[in-house]
């Protein structure tokens, strides 16, 4: 039985960690892209 992935069923600390990671990933990717040019 495969359940559809639902981010709201995750524990709150994991949701917070994912939110922080997604906020940090964008500037980090931009910085890496600028640095490699």
N, C-alpha and C. Protein backbone atom coordinates (compact mmCIF):
# COMPACT_ATOMS: atom_id res chain seq x y z
N UNK A 1 0.85 -1.19 0.00
CA UNK A 1 0.00 0.00 0.00
C UNK A 1 0.89 1.24 0.00
N UNK A 2 0.88 1.95 -1.10
CA UNK A 2 1.71 3.16 -1.19
C UNK A 2 0.86 4.39 -0.99
N UNK A 3 1.26 5.15 0.02
CA UNK A 3 0.51 6.37 0.33
C UNK A 3 1.12 7.52 -0.45
N UNK A 4 0.28 8.45 -0.88
CA UNK A 4 0.80 9.61 -1.59
C UNK A 4 1.60 10.47 -0.63
N UNK A 5 2.72 11.00 -1.10
CA UNK A 5 3.60 11.79 -0.23
C UNK A 5 2.92 13.10 0.15
N UNK A 6 2.81 13.31 1.44
CA UNK A 6 2.17 14.53 1.95
C UNK A 6 3.12 15.21 2.94
N UNK A 7 3.66 16.38 2.59
CA UNK A 7 4.62 17.04 3.49
C UNK A 7 4.02 17.45 4.82
N UNK A 8 2.69 17.56 4.90
CA UNK A 8 2.08 18.00 6.15
C UNK A 8 1.97 16.88 7.17
N UNK A 9 2.31 15.65 6.77
CA UNK A 9 2.30 14.56 7.74
C UNK A 9 3.66 14.40 8.40
N UNK A 10 4.65 15.18 7.95
CA UNK A 10 5.97 15.11 8.55
C UNK A 10 5.95 15.76 9.93
N UNK A 11 6.89 15.36 10.81
CA UNK A 11 6.98 16.03 12.12
C UNK A 11 7.37 17.49 11.94
N UNK A 12 6.97 18.36 12.89
CA UNK A 12 7.20 19.80 12.73
C UNK A 12 8.68 20.16 12.60
N UNK A 13 9.56 19.47 13.33
CA UNK A 13 10.97 19.84 13.25
C UNK A 13 11.54 19.53 11.88
N UNK A 14 11.02 18.47 11.25
CA UNK A 14 11.51 18.12 9.92
C UNK A 14 10.99 19.12 8.89
N UNK A 15 9.74 19.58 9.08
CA UNK A 15 9.20 20.61 8.17
C UNK A 15 10.03 21.89 8.30
N UNK A 16 10.38 22.25 9.55
CA UNK A 16 11.17 23.47 9.77
C UNK A 16 12.55 23.32 9.14
N UNK A 17 13.14 22.13 9.28
CA UNK A 17 14.46 21.89 8.71
C UNK A 17 14.41 22.00 7.20
N UNK A 18 13.35 21.44 6.59
CA UNK A 18 13.22 21.51 5.14
C UNK A 18 13.01 22.96 4.68
N UNK A 19 12.27 23.73 5.45
CA UNK A 19 12.04 25.13 5.08
C UNK A 19 13.34 25.92 5.12
N UNK A 20 14.13 25.67 6.17
CA UNK A 20 15.42 26.37 6.28
C UNK A 20 16.34 25.96 5.14
N UNK A 21 16.37 24.66 4.84
CA UNK A 21 17.24 24.18 3.76
C UNK A 21 16.83 24.79 2.43
N UNK A 22 15.52 24.89 2.19
CA UNK A 22 15.08 25.44 0.91
C UNK A 22 15.40 26.94 0.83
N UNK A 23 15.36 27.63 1.98
CA UNK A 23 15.69 29.05 1.98
C UNK A 23 17.19 29.26 1.77
N UNK A 24 18.01 28.33 2.28
CA UNK A 24 19.47 28.47 2.13
C UNK A 24 19.95 27.98 0.78
N UNK A 25 19.20 27.07 0.16
CA UNK A 25 19.67 26.45 -1.09
C UNK A 25 19.70 27.46 -2.23
N UNK A 26 18.74 28.38 -2.27
CA UNK A 26 18.67 29.32 -3.40
C UNK A 26 19.87 30.26 -3.43
N UNK A 27 20.19 30.98 -2.33
CA UNK A 27 21.38 31.84 -2.38
C UNK A 27 22.66 31.03 -2.57
N UNK A 28 22.72 29.83 -2.02
CA UNK A 28 23.91 29.00 -2.17
C UNK A 28 24.12 28.63 -3.63
N UNK A 29 23.04 28.24 -4.31
CA UNK A 29 23.14 27.89 -5.74
C UNK A 29 23.54 29.11 -6.56
N UNK A 30 22.97 30.26 -6.24
CA UNK A 30 23.33 31.48 -6.96
C UNK A 30 24.81 31.80 -6.75
N UNK A 31 25.29 31.66 -5.52
CA UNK A 31 26.68 31.95 -5.21
C UNK A 31 27.61 31.00 -5.96
N UNK A 32 27.25 29.71 -5.99
CA UNK A 32 28.06 28.73 -6.72
C UNK A 32 28.07 29.04 -8.21
N UNK A 33 26.91 29.41 -8.75
CA UNK A 33 26.83 29.71 -10.17
C UNK A 33 27.66 30.93 -10.55
N UNK A 34 27.62 31.96 -9.70
CA UNK A 34 28.41 33.17 -9.98
C UNK A 34 29.90 32.86 -9.86
N UNK A 35 30.26 32.02 -8.88
CA UNK A 35 31.67 31.73 -8.64
C UNK A 35 32.28 30.91 -9.77
N UNK A 36 31.47 30.03 -10.39
CA UNK A 36 32.02 29.16 -11.43
C UNK A 36 32.10 29.86 -12.77
N UNK A 37 31.44 31.00 -12.92
CA UNK A 37 31.50 31.70 -14.20
C UNK A 37 32.87 32.35 -14.43
